[in-house]
Amino acid sequence: MKKEKQRLLEIAGISKPKLNEEFKVDPKYTHFAALKSTGKIINGWDYTGYDPEELKQERDHYFLNDIRDNDISPKMVSILTKKYLERNGIDPMNWDNWHKGDHDETSFMTDKENMKYLGYS
């Protein structure tokens, strides 16, 4: 319960998130996790040289386990390639495109709605 409460506070912008503190974007990153609610990036990986089909088939191993390790429901994120982000006008190397615990729409939800949104319902 403590982790859930901490995560709710982070999303509401009341507490600093554990993710990305003092983080520099690695220019080698090829894949990113972005929050569905805001489009802000929360994680990145360098999978240069990996077979794209293997990455798709083994999403849990390559991506979602890291998301879960940060106490975030995988339902909250989209896994996107660097090329996809750039084609859609988002520079993943720009720190402004990364989640830093600022307010988003979840800060206006009730506790019950927040818990459901976070995948704890």
PDB file of N, CA and C in Angstrom:
ATOM      1  N   MET A   1       0.814  -1.195   0.000  1.00  0.00           N
ATOM      2  CA  MET A   1       0.000   0.000   0.000  1.00  0.00           C
ATOM      3  C   MET A   1       0.858   1.260   0.000  1.00  0.00           C
ATOM      4  N   LYS A   2       1.997   1.206   0.691  1.00  0.00           N
ATOM      5  CA  LYS A   2       2.870   2.366   0.748  1.00  0.00           C
ATOM      6  C   LYS A   2       3.388   2.729  -0.646  1.00  0.00           C
ATOM      7  N   LYS A   3       3.771   1.716  -1.444  1.00  0.00           N
ATOM      8  CA  LYS A   3       4.258   1.970  -2.794  1.00  0.00           C
ATOM      9  C   LYS A   3       3.166   2.591  -3.653  1.00  0.00           C
ATOM     10  N   GLU A   4       1.942   2.100  -3.513  1.00  0.00           N
ATOM     11  CA  GLU A   4       0.827   2.630  -4.288  1.00  0.00           C
ATOM     12  C   GLU A   4       0.582   4.091  -3.939  1.00  0.00           C
ATOM     13  N   LYS A   5       0.607   4.407  -2.651  1.00  0.00           N
ATOM     14  CA  LYS A   5       0.391   5.786  -2.218  1.00  0.00           C
ATOM     15  C   LYS A   5       1.513   6.688  -2.732  1.00  0.00           C
ATOM     16  N   GLN A   6       2.761   6.223  -2.636  1.00  0.00           N
ATOM     17  CA  GLN A   6       3.901   6.996  -3.132  1.00  0.00           C
ATOM     18  C   GLN A   6       3.747   7.266  -4.621  1.00  0.00           C
ATOM     19  N   ARG A   7       3.326   6.243  -5.391  1.00  0.00           N
ATOM     20  CA  ARG A   7       3.161   6.393  -6.833  1.00  0.00           C
ATOM     21  C   ARG A   7       2.062   7.404  -7.152  1.00  0.00           C
ATOM     22  N   LEU A   8       0.971   7.374  -6.399  1.00  0.00           N
ATOM     23  CA  LEU A   8      -0.100   8.347  -6.612  1.00  0.00           C
ATOM     24  C   LEU A   8       0.395   9.761  -6.350  1.00  0.00           C
ATOM     25  N   LEU A   9       1.177   9.926  -5.293  1.00  0.00           N
ATOM     26  CA  LEU A   9       1.728  11.247  -4.981  1.00  0.00           C
ATOM     27  C   LEU A   9       2.670  11.722  -6.078  1.00  0.00           C
ATOM     28  N   GLU A  10       3.467  10.817  -6.621  1.00  0.00           N
ATOM     29  CA  GLU A  10       4.381  11.176  -7.693  1.00  0.00           C
ATOM     30  C   GLU A  10       3.626  11.638  -8.927  1.00  0.00           C
ATOM     31  N   ILE A  11       2.598  10.900  -9.304  1.00  0.00           N
ATOM     32  CA  ILE A  11       1.829  11.257 -10.491  1.00  0.00           C
ATOM     33  C   ILE A  11       1.118  12.590 -10.291  1.00  0.00           C
ATOM     34  N   ALA A  12       0.661  12.842  -9.085  1.00  0.00           N
ATOM     35  CA  ALA A  12      -0.018  14.107  -8.803  1.00  0.00           C
ATOM     36  C   ALA A  12       0.970  15.261  -8.711  1.00  0.00           C
ATOM     37  N   GLY A  13       2.267  14.965  -8.751  1.00  0.00           N
ATOM     38  CA  GLY A  13       3.266  16.018  -8.695  1.00  0.00           C
ATOM     39  C   GLY A  13       3.568  16.496  -7.295  1.00  0.00           C
ATOM     40  N   ILE A  14       3.085  15.777  -6.290  1.00  0.00           N
ATOM     41  CA  ILE A  14       3.292  16.167  -4.900  1.00  0.00           C
ATOM     42  C   ILE A  14       4.642  15.675  -4.402  1.00  0.00           C
ATOM     43  N   SER A  15       5.109  14.589  -4.946  1.00  0.00           N
ATOM     44  CA  SER A  15       6.375  13.992  -4.529  1.00  0.00           C
ATOM     45  C   SER A  15       7.227  13.758  -5.769  1.00  0.00           C
ATOM     46  N   LYS A  16       8.515  13.853  -5.641  1.00  0.00           N
ATOM     47  CA  LYS A  16       9.388  13.626  -6.789  1.00  0.00           C
ATOM     48  C   LYS A  16       9.415  12.144  -7.142  1.00  0.00           C
ATOM     49  N   PRO A  17       9.379  11.826  -8.432  1.00  0.00           N
ATOM     50  CA  PRO A  17       9.422  10.427  -8.837  1.00  0.00           C
ATOM     51  C   PRO A  17      10.811   9.838  -8.668  1.00  0.00           C
ATOM     52  N   LYS A  18      10.847   8.523  -8.564  1.00  0.00           N
ATOM     53  CA  LYS A  18      12.126   7.828  -8.485  1.00  0.00           C
ATOM     54  C   LYS A  18      12.754   7.712  -9.870  1.00  0.00           C
ATOM     55  N   LEU A  19      11.922   7.749 -10.893  1.00  0.00           N
ATOM     56  CA  LEU A  19      12.421   7.610 -12.251  1.00  0.00           C
ATOM     57  C   LEU A  19      13.138   8.871 -12.710  1.00  0.00           C
ATOM     58  N   ASN A  20      14.195   8.689 -13.444  1.00  0.00           N
ATOM     59  CA  ASN A  20      14.864   9.759 -14.173  1.00  0.00           C
ATOM     60  C   ASN A  20      15.483  10.854 -13.319  1.00  0.00           C
ATOM     61  N   GLU A  21      15.675  10.641 -12.021  1.00  0.00           N
ATOM     62  CA  GLU A  21      16.317  11.664 -11.212  1.00  0.00           C
ATOM     63  C   GLU A  21      17.777  11.749 -11.625  1.00  0.00           C
ATOM     64  N   GLU A  22      18.245  12.966 -11.908  1.00  0.00           N
ATOM     65  CA  GLU A  22      19.612  13.216 -12.354  1.00  0.00           C
ATOM     66  C   GLU A  22      19.958  12.320 -13.541  1.00  0.00           C
ATOM     67  N   PHE A  23      19.066  12.229 -14.475  1.00  0.00           N
ATOM     68  CA  PHE A  23      19.176  11.320 -15.607  1.00  0.00           C
ATOM     69  C   PHE A  23      19.589  12.088 -16.848  1.00  0.00           C
ATOM     70  N   LYS A  24      20.508  11.548 -17.589  1.00  0.00           N
ATOM     71  CA  LYS A  24      20.905  12.090 -18.883  1.00  0.00           C
ATOM     72  C   LYS A  24      20.412  11.109 -19.944  1.00  0.00           C
ATOM     73  N   VAL A  25      19.872  11.630 -21.016  1.00  0.00           N
ATOM     74  CA  VAL A  25      19.356  10.774 -22.076  1.00  0.00           C
ATOM     75  C   VAL A  25      20.534  10.179 -22.844  1.00  0.00           C
ATOM     76  N   ASP A  26      20.560   8.869 -22.932  1.00  0.00           N
ATOM     77  CA  ASP A  26      21.620   8.170 -23.659  1.00  0.00           C
ATOM     78  C   ASP A  26      21.325   8.252 -25.155  1.00  0.00           C
ATOM     79  N   PRO A  27      22.219   8.838 -25.934  1.00  0.00           N
ATOM     80  CA  PRO A  27      21.959   8.977 -27.375  1.00  0.00           C
ATOM     81  C   PRO A  27      21.890   7.642 -28.114  1.00  0.00           C
ATOM     82  N   LYS A  28      22.288   6.553 -27.470  1.00  0.00           N
ATOM     83  CA  LYS A  28      22.224   5.232 -28.098  1.00  0.00           C
ATOM     84  C   LYS A  28      20.854   4.574 -27.962  1.00  0.00           C
ATOM     85  N   TYR A  29      19.955   5.150 -27.156  1.00  0.00           N
ATOM     86  CA  TYR A  29      18.636   4.545 -26.954  1.00  0.00           C
ATOM     87  C   TYR A  29      17.903   4.392 -28.284  1.00  0.00           C
ATOM     88  N   THR A  30      17.317   3.217 -28.474  1.00  0.00           N
ATOM     89  CA  THR A  30      16.544   2.923 -29.685  1.00  0.00           C
ATOM     90  C   THR A  30      15.057   2.756 -29.399  1.00  0.00           C
ATOM     91  N   HIS A  31      14.706   2.489 -28.141  1.00  0.00           N
ATOM     92  CA  HIS A  31      13.321   2.238 -27.736  1.00  0.00           C
ATOM     93  C   HIS A  31      13.013   3.007 -26.459  1.00  0.00           C
ATOM     94  N   PHE A  32      11.750   3.403 -26.329  1.00  0.00           N
ATOM     95  CA  PHE A  32      11.339   4.226 -25.196  1.00  0.00           C
ATOM     96  C   PHE A  32       9.978   3.787 -24.678  1.00  0.00           C
ATOM     97  N   ALA A  33       9.764   4.006 -23.386  1.00  0.00           N
ATOM     98  CA  ALA A  33       8.449   3.820 -22.773  1.00  0.00           C
ATOM     99  C   ALA A  33       7.889   5.207 -22.502  1.00  0.00           C
ATOM    100  N   ALA A  34       6.682   5.458 -22.978  1.00  0.00           N
ATOM    101  CA  ALA A  34       6.028   6.751 -22.774  1.00  0.00           C
ATOM    102  C   ALA A  34       4.690   6.531 -22.079  1.00  0.00           C
ATOM    103  N   LEU A  35       4.366   7.432 -21.155  1.00  0.00           N
ATOM    104  CA  LEU A  35       3.075   7.365 -20.475  1.00  0.00           C
ATOM    105  C   LEU A  35       1.962   7.622 -21.477  1.00  0.00           C
ATOM    106  N   LYS A  36       0.960   6.764 -21.491  1.00  0.00           N
ATOM    107  CA  LYS A  36      -0.174   6.955 -22.392  1.00  0.00           C
ATOM    108  C   LYS A  36      -0.933   8.231 -22.062  1.00  0.00           C
ATOM    109  N   SER A  37      -0.974   8.600 -20.794  1.00  0.00           N
ATOM    110  CA  SER A  37      -1.765   9.753 -20.365  1.00  0.00           C
ATOM    111  C   SER A  37      -1.185  11.083 -20.818  1.00  0.00           C
ATOM    112  N   THR A  38       0.133  11.166 -20.931  1.00  0.00           N
ATOM    113  CA  THR A  38       0.769  12.453 -21.236  1.00  0.00           C
ATOM    114  C   THR A  38       1.667  12.419 -22.456  1.00  0.00           C
ATOM    115  N   GLY A  39       2.084  11.226 -22.865  1.00  0.00           N
ATOM    116  CA  GLY A  39       3.042  11.112 -23.956  1.00  0.00           C
ATOM    117  C   GLY A  39       4.479  11.333 -23.518  1.00  0.00           C
ATOM    118  N   LYS A  40       4.680  11.612 -22.236  1.00  0.00           N
ATOM    119  CA  LYS A  40       6.029  11.855 -21.719  1.00  0.00           C
ATOM    120  C   LYS A  40       6.776  10.527 -21.561  1.00  0.00           C
ATOM    121  N   ILE A  41       8.058  10.548 -21.870  1.00  0.00           N
ATOM    122  CA  ILE A  41       8.912   9.360 -21.806  1.00  0.00           C
ATOM    123  C   ILE A  41       9.332   9.100 -20.364  1.00  0.00           C
ATOM    124  N   ILE A  42       9.327   7.828 -19.977  1.00  0.00           N
ATOM    125  CA  ILE A  42       9.758   7.474 -18.619  1.00  0.00           C
ATOM    126  C   ILE A  42      10.959   6.536 -18.588  1.00  0.00           C
ATOM    127  N   ASN A  43      11.303   5.926 -19.738  1.00  0.00           N
ATOM    128  CA  ASN A  43      12.432   5.000 -19.753  1.00  0.00           C
ATOM    129  C   ASN A  43      12.917   4.828 -21.183  1.00  0.00           C
ATOM    130  N   GLY A  44      14.153   4.399 -21.326  1.00  0.00           N
ATOM    131  CA  GLY A  44      14.721   4.152 -22.641  1.00  0.00           C
ATOM    132  C   GLY A  44      15.689   2.989 -22.593  1.00  0.00           C
ATOM    133  N   TRP A  45      15.902   2.363 -23.756  1.00  0.00           N
ATOM    134  CA  TRP A  45      16.789   1.209 -23.866  1.00  0.00           C
ATOM    135  C   TRP A  45      17.568   1.278 -25.171  1.00  0.00           C
ATOM    136  N   ASP A  46      18.749   0.694 -25.176  1.00  0.00           N
ATOM    137  CA  ASP A  46      19.548   0.560 -26.392  1.00  0.00           C
ATOM    138  C   ASP A  46      19.474  -0.891 -26.849  1.00  0.00           C
ATOM    139  N   TYR A  47      18.705  -1.132 -27.897  1.00  0.00           N
ATOM    140  CA  TYR A  47      18.605  -2.470 -28.462  1.00  0.00           C
ATOM    141  C   TYR A  47      19.116  -2.479 -29.906  1.00  0.00           C
ATOM    142  N   THR A  48      20.185  -1.742 -30.144  1.00  0.00           N
ATOM    143  CA  THR A  48      20.832  -1.734 -31.449  1.00  0.00           C
ATOM    144  C   THR A  48      21.250  -3.158 -31.806  1.00  0.00           C
ATOM    145  N   GLY A  49      20.901  -3.585 -33.020  1.00  0.00           N
ATOM    146  CA  GLY A  49      21.308  -4.903 -33.488  1.00  0.00           C
ATOM    147  C   GLY A  49      20.378  -6.040 -33.102  1.00  0.00           C
ATOM    148  N   TYR A  50      19.373  -5.766 -32.280  1.00  0.00           N
ATOM    149  CA  TYR A  50      18.412  -6.812 -31.900  1.00  0.00           C
ATOM    150  C   TYR A  50      17.376  -6.984 -33.008  1.00  0.00           C
ATOM    151  N   ASP A  51      16.891  -8.194 -33.159  1.00  0.00           N
ATOM    152  CA  ASP A  51      15.854  -8.493 -34.134  1.00  0.00           C
ATOM    153  C   ASP A  51      14.537  -7.863 -33.677  1.00  0.00           C
ATOM    154  N   PRO A  52      13.945  -6.981 -34.493  1.00  0.00           N
ATOM    155  CA  PRO A  52      12.686  -6.333 -34.104  1.00  0.00           C
ATOM    156  C   PRO A  52      11.571  -7.320 -33.760  1.00  0.00           C
ATOM    157  N   GLU A  53      11.527  -8.445 -34.465  1.00  0.00           N
ATOM    158  CA  GLU A  53      10.490  -9.445 -34.175  1.00  0.00           C
ATOM    159  C   GLU A  53      10.688 -10.057 -32.792  1.00  0.00           C
ATOM    160  N   GLU A  54      11.932 -10.297 -32.418  1.00  0.00           N
ATOM    161  CA  GLU A  54      12.212 -10.838 -31.088  1.00  0.00           C
ATOM    162  C   GLU A  54      11.796  -9.839 -30.011  1.00  0.00           C
ATOM    163  N   LEU A  55      12.075  -8.558 -30.240  1.00  0.00           N
ATOM    164  CA  LEU A  55      11.686  -7.528 -29.271  1.00  0.00           C
ATOM    165  C   LEU A  55      10.169  -7.489 -29.096  1.00  0.00           C
ATOM    166  N   LYS A  56       9.434  -7.633 -30.199  1.00  0.00           N
ATOM    167  CA  LYS A  56       7.968  -7.638 -30.124  1.00  0.00           C
ATOM    168  C   LYS A  56       7.455  -8.868 -29.380  1.00  0.00           C
ATOM    169  N   GLN A  57       8.037 -10.022 -29.689  1.00  0.00           N
ATOM    170  CA  GLN A  57       7.572 -11.271 -29.082  1.00  0.00           C
ATOM    171  C   GLN A  57       7.935 -11.372 -27.606  1.00  0.00           C
ATOM    172  N   GLU A  58       9.013 -10.760 -27.206  1.00  0.00           N
ATOM    173  CA  GLU A  58       9.498 -10.853 -25.824  1.00  0.00           C
ATOM    174  C   GLU A  58       9.398  -9.510 -25.100  1.00  0.00           C
ATOM    175  N   ARG A  59       8.287  -8.811 -25.309  1.00  0.00           N
ATOM    176  CA  ARG A  59       8.086  -7.481 -24.701  1.00  0.00           C
ATOM    177  C   ARG A  59       8.295  -7.491 -23.195  1.00  0.00           C
ATOM    178  N   ASP A  60       7.783  -8.509 -22.527  1.00  0.00           N
ATOM    179  CA  ASP A  60       7.947  -8.583 -21.073  1.00  0.00           C
ATOM    180  C   ASP A  60       9.420  -8.576 -20.695  1.00  0.00           C
ATOM    181  N   HIS A  61      10.170  -9.431 -21.341  1.00  0.00           N
ATOM    182  CA  HIS A  61      11.594  -9.565 -21.013  1.00  0.00           C
ATOM    183  C   HIS A  61      12.375  -8.282 -21.324  1.00  0.00           C
ATOM    184  N   TYR A  62      12.156  -7.719 -22.494  1.00  0.00           N
ATOM    185  CA  TYR A  62      12.962  -6.581 -22.929  1.00  0.00           C
ATOM    186  C   TYR A  62      12.491  -5.227 -22.391  1.00  0.00           C
ATOM    187  N   PHE A  63      11.200  -5.095 -22.095  1.00  0.00           N
ATOM    188  CA  PHE A  63      10.676  -3.781 -21.715  1.00  0.00           C
ATOM    189  C   PHE A  63       9.861  -3.775 -20.419  1.00  0.00           C
ATOM    190  N   LEU A  64       8.823  -4.586 -20.382  1.00  0.00           N
ATOM    191  CA  LEU A  64       7.816  -4.451 -19.329  1.00  0.00           C
ATOM    192  C   LEU A  64       8.308  -4.822 -17.936  1.00  0.00           C
ATOM    193  N   ASN A  65       9.270  -5.712 -17.836  1.00  0.00           N
ATOM    194  CA  ASN A  65       9.815  -6.023 -16.511  1.00  0.00           C
ATOM    195  C   ASN A  65      10.481  -4.795 -15.890  1.00  0.00           C
ATOM    196  N   ASP A  66      11.160  -3.986 -16.705  1.00  0.00           N
ATOM    197  CA  ASP A  66      11.749  -2.736 -16.203  1.00  0.00           C
ATOM    198  C   ASP A  66      10.668  -1.781 -15.708  1.00  0.00           C
ATOM    199  N   ILE A  67       9.567  -1.724 -16.438  1.00  0.00           N
ATOM    200  CA  ILE A  67       8.459  -0.840 -16.053  1.00  0.00           C
ATOM    201  C   ILE A  67       7.890  -1.302 -14.714  1.00  0.00           C
ATOM    202  N   ARG A  68       7.653  -2.591 -14.584  1.00  0.00           N
ATOM    203  CA  ARG A  68       7.137  -3.137 -13.317  1.00  0.00           C
ATOM    204  C   ARG A  68       8.112  -2.899 -12.168  1.00  0.00           C
ATOM    205  N   ASP A  69       9.409  -3.002 -12.441  1.00  0.00           N
ATOM    206  CA  ASP A  69      10.423  -2.772 -11.404  1.00  0.00           C
ATOM    207  C   ASP A  69      10.352  -1.357 -10.836  1.00  0.00           C
ATOM    208  N   ASN A  70       9.784  -0.434 -11.607  1.00  0.00           N
ATOM    209  CA  ASN A  70       9.608   0.946 -11.153  1.00  0.00           C
ATOM    210  C   ASN A  70       8.205   1.198 -10.610  1.00  0.00           C
ATOM    211  N   ASP A  71       7.507   0.100 -10.274  1.00  0.00           N
ATOM    212  CA  ASP A  71       6.167   0.182  -9.682  1.00  0.00           C
ATOM    213  C   ASP A  71       5.166   0.923 -10.562  1.00  0.00           C
ATOM    214  N   ILE A  72       5.272   0.705 -11.861  1.00  0.00           N
ATOM    215  CA  ILE A  72       4.334   1.301 -12.806  1.00  0.00           C
ATOM    216  C   ILE A  72       3.646   0.164 -13.544  1.00  0.00           C
ATOM    217  N   SER A  73       2.346   0.264 -13.688  1.00  0.00           N
ATOM    218  CA  SER A  73       1.596  -0.742 -14.423  1.00  0.00           C
ATOM    219  C   SER A  73       1.945  -0.648 -15.909  1.00  0.00           C
ATOM    220  N   PRO A  74       2.274  -1.772 -16.555  1.00  0.00           N
ATOM    221  CA  PRO A  74       2.554  -1.743 -17.992  1.00  0.00           C
ATOM    222  C   PRO A  74       1.386  -1.214 -18.823  1.00  0.00           C
ATOM    223  N   LYS A  75       0.180  -1.263 -18.265  1.00  0.00           N
ATOM    224  CA  LYS A  75      -0.990  -0.735 -18.971  1.00  0.00           C
ATOM    225  C   LYS A  75      -0.907   0.780 -19.158  1.00  0.00           C
ATOM    226  N   MET A  76      -0.061   1.422 -18.364  1.00  0.00           N
ATOM    227  CA  MET A  76       0.057   2.883 -18.412  1.00  0.00           C
ATOM    228  C   MET A  76       1.001   3.384 -19.497  1.00  0.00           C
ATOM    229  N   VAL A  77       1.774   2.477 -20.129  1.00  0.00           N
ATOM    230  CA  VAL A  77       2.812   2.925 -21.051  1.00  0.00           C
ATOM    231  C   VAL A  77       2.674   2.320 -22.439  1.00  0.00           C
ATOM    232  N   SER A  78       3.256   3.015 -23.389  1.00  0.00           N
ATOM    233  CA  SER A  78       3.424   2.509 -24.749  1.00  0.00           C
ATOM    234  C   SER A  78       4.919   2.359 -24.986  1.00  0.00           C
ATOM    235  N   ILE A  79       5.310   1.296 -25.662  1.00  0.00           N
ATOM    236  CA  ILE A  79       6.707   1.097 -26.038  1.00  0.00           C
ATOM    237  C   ILE A  79       6.847   1.575 -27.484  1.00  0.00           C
ATOM    238  N   LEU A  80       7.755   2.523 -27.693  1.00  0.00           N
ATOM    239  CA  LEU A  80       7.892   3.174 -28.993  1.00  0.00           C
ATOM    240  C   LEU A  80       9.353   3.199 -29.428  1.00  0.00           C
ATOM    241  N   THR A  81       9.570   3.151 -30.729  1.00  0.00           N
ATOM    242  CA  THR A  81      10.937   3.256 -31.240  1.00  0.00           C
ATOM    243  C   THR A  81      11.324   4.725 -31.379  1.00  0.00           C
ATOM    244  N   LYS A  82      12.619   4.948 -31.418  1.00  0.00           N
ATOM    245  CA  LYS A  82      13.135   6.304 -31.626  1.00  0.00           C
ATOM    246  C   LYS A  82      12.623   6.860 -32.958  1.00  0.00           C
ATOM    247  N   LYS A  83      12.628   6.014 -33.998  1.00  0.00           N
ATOM    248  CA  LYS A  83      12.160   6.448 -35.317  1.00  0.00           C
ATOM    249  C   LYS A  83      10.691   6.858 -35.274  1.00  0.00           C
ATOM    250  N   TYR A  84       9.871   6.089 -34.567  1.00  0.00           N
ATOM    251  CA  TYR A  84       8.448   6.416 -34.457  1.00  0.00           C
ATOM    252  C   TYR A  84       8.264   7.779 -33.794  1.00  0.00           C
ATOM    253  N   LEU A  85       8.966   7.991 -32.688  1.00  0.00           N
ATOM    254  CA  LEU A  85       8.849   9.267 -31.981  1.00  0.00           C
ATOM    255  C   LEU A  85       9.267  10.424 -32.876  1.00  0.00           C
ATOM    256  N   GLU A  86      10.390  10.283 -33.560  1.00  0.00           N
ATOM    257  CA  GLU A  86      10.886  11.356 -34.426  1.00  0.00           C
ATOM    258  C   GLU A  86       9.932  11.627 -35.582  1.00  0.00           C
ATOM    259  N   ARG A  87       9.350  10.572 -36.170  1.00  0.00           N
ATOM    260  CA  ARG A  87       8.366  10.751 -37.253  1.00  0.00           C
ATOM    261  C   ARG A  87       7.148  11.529 -36.774  1.00  0.00           C
ATOM    262  N   ASN A  88       6.859  11.430 -35.478  1.00  0.00           N
ATOM    263  CA  ASN A  88       5.702  12.115 -34.913  1.00  0.00           C
ATOM    264  C   ASN A  88       6.075  13.419 -34.219  1.00  0.00           C
ATOM    265  N   GLY A  89       7.254  13.935 -34.526  1.00  0.00           N
ATOM    266  CA  GLY A  89       7.656  15.251 -34.035  1.00  0.00           C
ATOM    267  C   GLY A  89       8.119  15.293 -32.591  1.00  0.00           C
ATOM    268  N   ILE A  90       8.488  14.153 -32.028  1.00  0.00           N
ATOM    269  CA  ILE A  90       8.952  14.107 -30.638  1.00  0.00           C
ATOM    270  C   ILE A  90      10.431  13.738 -30.634  1.00  0.00           C
ATOM    271  N   ASP A  91      11.246  14.588 -30.050  1.00  0.00           N
ATOM    272  CA  ASP A  91      12.678  14.323 -29.942  1.00  0.00           C
ATOM    273  C   ASP A  91      12.946  13.631 -28.614  1.00  0.00           C
ATOM    274  N   PRO A  92      13.211  12.320 -28.628  1.00  0.00           N
ATOM    275  CA  PRO A  92      13.418  11.608 -27.368  1.00  0.00           C
ATOM    276  C   PRO A  92      14.711  12.009 -26.657  1.00  0.00           C
ATOM    277  N   MET A  93      15.591  12.714 -27.339  1.00  0.00           N
ATOM    278  CA  MET A  93      16.834  13.163 -26.716  1.00  0.00           C
ATOM    279  C   MET A  93      16.652  14.492 -25.980  1.00  0.00           C
ATOM    280  N   ASN A  94      15.506  15.122 -26.176  1.00  0.00           N
ATOM    281  CA  ASN A  94      15.205  16.392 -25.514  1.00  0.00           C
ATOM    282  C   ASN A  94      14.576  16.100 -24.155  1.00  0.00           C
ATOM    283  N   TRP A  95      15.243  16.534 -23.099  1.00  0.00           N
ATOM    284  CA  TRP A  95      14.802  16.263 -21.727  1.00  0.00           C
ATOM    285  C   TRP A  95      13.394  16.799 -21.461  1.00  0.00           C
ATOM    286  N   ASP A  96      12.952  17.803 -22.219  1.00  0.00           N
ATOM    287  CA  ASP A  96      11.599  18.350 -22.040  1.00  0.00           C
ATOM    288  C   ASP A  96      10.517  17.329 -22.380  1.00  0.00           C
ATOM    289  N   ASN A  97      10.864  16.310 -23.131  1.00  0.00           N
ATOM    290  CA  ASN A  97       9.894  15.278 -23.510  1.00  0.00           C
ATOM    291  C   ASN A  97       9.844  14.115 -22.527  1.00  0.00           C
ATOM    292  N   TRP A  98      10.553  14.247 -21.417  1.00  0.00           N
ATOM    293  CA  TRP A  98      10.588  13.196 -20.390  1.00  0.00           C
ATOM    294  C   TRP A  98       9.733  13.592 -19.199  1.00  0.00           C
ATOM    295  N   HIS A  99       9.097  12.602 -18.598  1.00  0.00           N
ATOM    296  CA  HIS A  99       8.260  12.800 -17.410  1.00  0.00           C
ATOM    297  C   HIS A  99       9.135  13.164 -16.219  1.00  0.00           C
ATOM    298  N   LYS A 100       8.747  14.225 -15.540  1.00  0.00           N
ATOM    299  CA  LYS A 100       9.509  14.669 -14.373  1.00  0.00           C
ATOM    300  C   LYS A 100       8.618  14.852 -13.152  1.00  0.00           C
ATOM    301  N   GLY A 101       7.461  14.241 -13.140  1.00  0.00           N
ATOM    302  CA  GLY A 101       6.576  14.333 -11.982  1.00  0.00           C
ATOM    303  C   GLY A 101       5.686  15.551 -11.978  1.00  0.00           C
ATOM    304  N   ASP A 102       5.559  16.228 -13.125  1.00  0.00           N
ATOM    305  CA  ASP A 102       4.680  17.391 -13.164  1.00  0.00           C
ATOM    306  C   ASP A 102       3.223  16.948 -13.192  1.00  0.00           C
ATOM    307  N   HIS A 103       2.329  17.894 -13.002  1.00  0.00           N
ATOM    308  CA  HIS A 103       0.901  17.571 -12.947  1.00  0.00           C
ATOM    309  C   HIS A 103       0.409  17.075 -14.298  1.00  0.00           C
ATOM    310  N   ASP A 104      -0.431  16.083 -14.250  1.00  0.00           N
ATOM    311  CA  ASP A 104      -1.135  15.624 -15.439  1.00  0.00           C
ATOM    312  C   ASP A 104      -2.586  15.373 -15.057  1.00  0.00           C
ATOM    313  N   GLU A 105      -3.354  14.785 -15.972  1.00  0.00           N
ATOM    314  CA  GLU A 105      -4.783  14.660 -15.689  1.00  0.00           C
ATOM    315  C   GLU A 105      -5.085  13.796 -14.480  1.00  0.00           C
ATOM    316  N   THR A 106      -4.173  12.924 -14.071  1.00  0.00           N
ATOM    317  CA  THR A 106      -4.457  12.068 -12.926  1.00  0.00           C
ATOM    318  C   THR A 106      -4.528  12.856 -11.631  1.00  0.00           C
ATOM    319  N   SER A 107      -3.954  14.053 -11.591  1.00  0.00           N
ATOM    320  CA  SER A 107      -3.985  14.834 -10.358  1.00  0.00           C
ATOM    321  C   SER A 107      -5.395  15.331 -10.048  1.00  0.00           C
ATOM    322  N   PHE A 108      -6.293  15.246 -11.015  1.00  0.00           N
ATOM    323  CA  PHE A 108      -7.663  15.697 -10.804  1.00  0.00           C
ATOM    324  C   PHE A 108      -8.635  14.539 -10.616  1.00  0.00           C
ATOM    325  N   MET A 109      -8.115  13.312 -10.541  1.00  0.00           N
ATOM    326  CA  MET A 109      -8.961  12.141 -10.348  1.00  0.00           C
ATOM    327  C   MET A 109      -9.146  11.853  -8.863  1.00  0.00           C
ATOM    328  N   THR A 110     -10.209  11.136  -8.562  1.00  0.00           N
ATOM    329  CA  THR A 110     -10.407  10.679  -7.190  1.00  0.00           C
ATOM    330  C   THR A 110      -9.409   9.568  -6.895  1.00  0.00           C
ATOM    331  N   ASP A 111      -9.240   9.228  -5.612  1.00  0.00           N
ATOM    332  CA  ASP A 111      -8.320   8.150  -5.247  1.00  0.00           C
ATOM    333  C   ASP A 111      -8.702   6.844  -5.934  1.00  0.00           C
ATOM    334  N   LYS A 112     -10.007   6.545  -5.985  1.00  0.00           N
ATOM    335  CA  LYS A 112     -10.464   5.309  -6.615  1.00  0.00           C
ATOM    336  C   LYS A 112     -10.127   5.314  -8.109  1.00  0.00           C
ATOM    337  N   GLU A 113     -10.343   6.442  -8.775  1.00  0.00           N
ATOM    338  CA  GLU A 113     -10.019   6.544 -10.196  1.00  0.00           C
ATOM    339  C   GLU A 113      -8.515   6.417 -10.420  1.00  0.00           C
ATOM    340  N   ASN A 114      -7.733   7.033  -9.551  1.00  0.00           N
ATOM    341  CA  ASN A 114      -6.278   6.934  -9.654  1.00  0.00           C
ATOM    342  C   ASN A 114      -5.823   5.497  -9.526  1.00  0.00           C
ATOM    343  N   MET A 115      -6.370   4.775  -8.557  1.00  0.00           N
ATOM    344  CA  MET A 115      -5.970   3.389  -8.347  1.00  0.00           C
ATOM    345  C   MET A 115      -6.307   2.547  -9.584  1.00  0.00           C
ATOM    346  N   LYS A 116      -7.479   2.771 -10.160  1.00  0.00           N
ATOM    347  CA  LYS A 116      -7.866   2.043 -11.359  1.00  0.00           C
ATOM    348  C   LYS A 116      -6.943   2.419 -12.516  1.00  0.00           C
ATOM    349  N   TYR A 117      -6.652   3.710 -12.660  1.00  0.00           N
ATOM    350  CA  TYR A 117      -5.782   4.195 -13.725  1.00  0.00           C
ATOM    351  C   TYR A 117      -4.395   3.567 -13.627  1.00  0.00           C
ATOM    352  N   LEU A 118      -3.914   3.397 -12.398  1.00  0.00           N
ATOM    353  CA  LEU A 118      -2.585   2.833 -12.185  1.00  0.00           C
ATOM    354  C   LEU A 118      -2.555   1.317 -12.341  1.00  0.00           C
ATOM    355  N   GLY A 119      -3.707   0.707 -12.575  1.00  0.00           N
ATOM    356  CA  GLY A 119      -3.756  -0.733 -12.790  1.00  0.00           C
ATOM    357  C   GLY A 119      -3.894  -1.539 -11.515  1.00  0.00           C
ATOM    358  N   TYR A 120      -4.333  -0.895 -10.426  1.00  0.00           N
ATOM    359  CA  TYR A 120      -4.469  -1.597  -9.149  1.00  0.00           C
ATOM    360  C   TYR A 120      -5.916  -1.927  -8.823  1.00  0.00           C
ATOM    361  N   SER A 121      -6.798  -1.890  -9.796  1.00  0.00           N
ATOM    362  CA  SER A 121      -8.208  -2.178  -9.505  1.00  0.00           C
ATOM    363  C   SER A 121      -8.494  -3.650  -9.626  1.00  0.00           C
TER     364      SER A 121
END
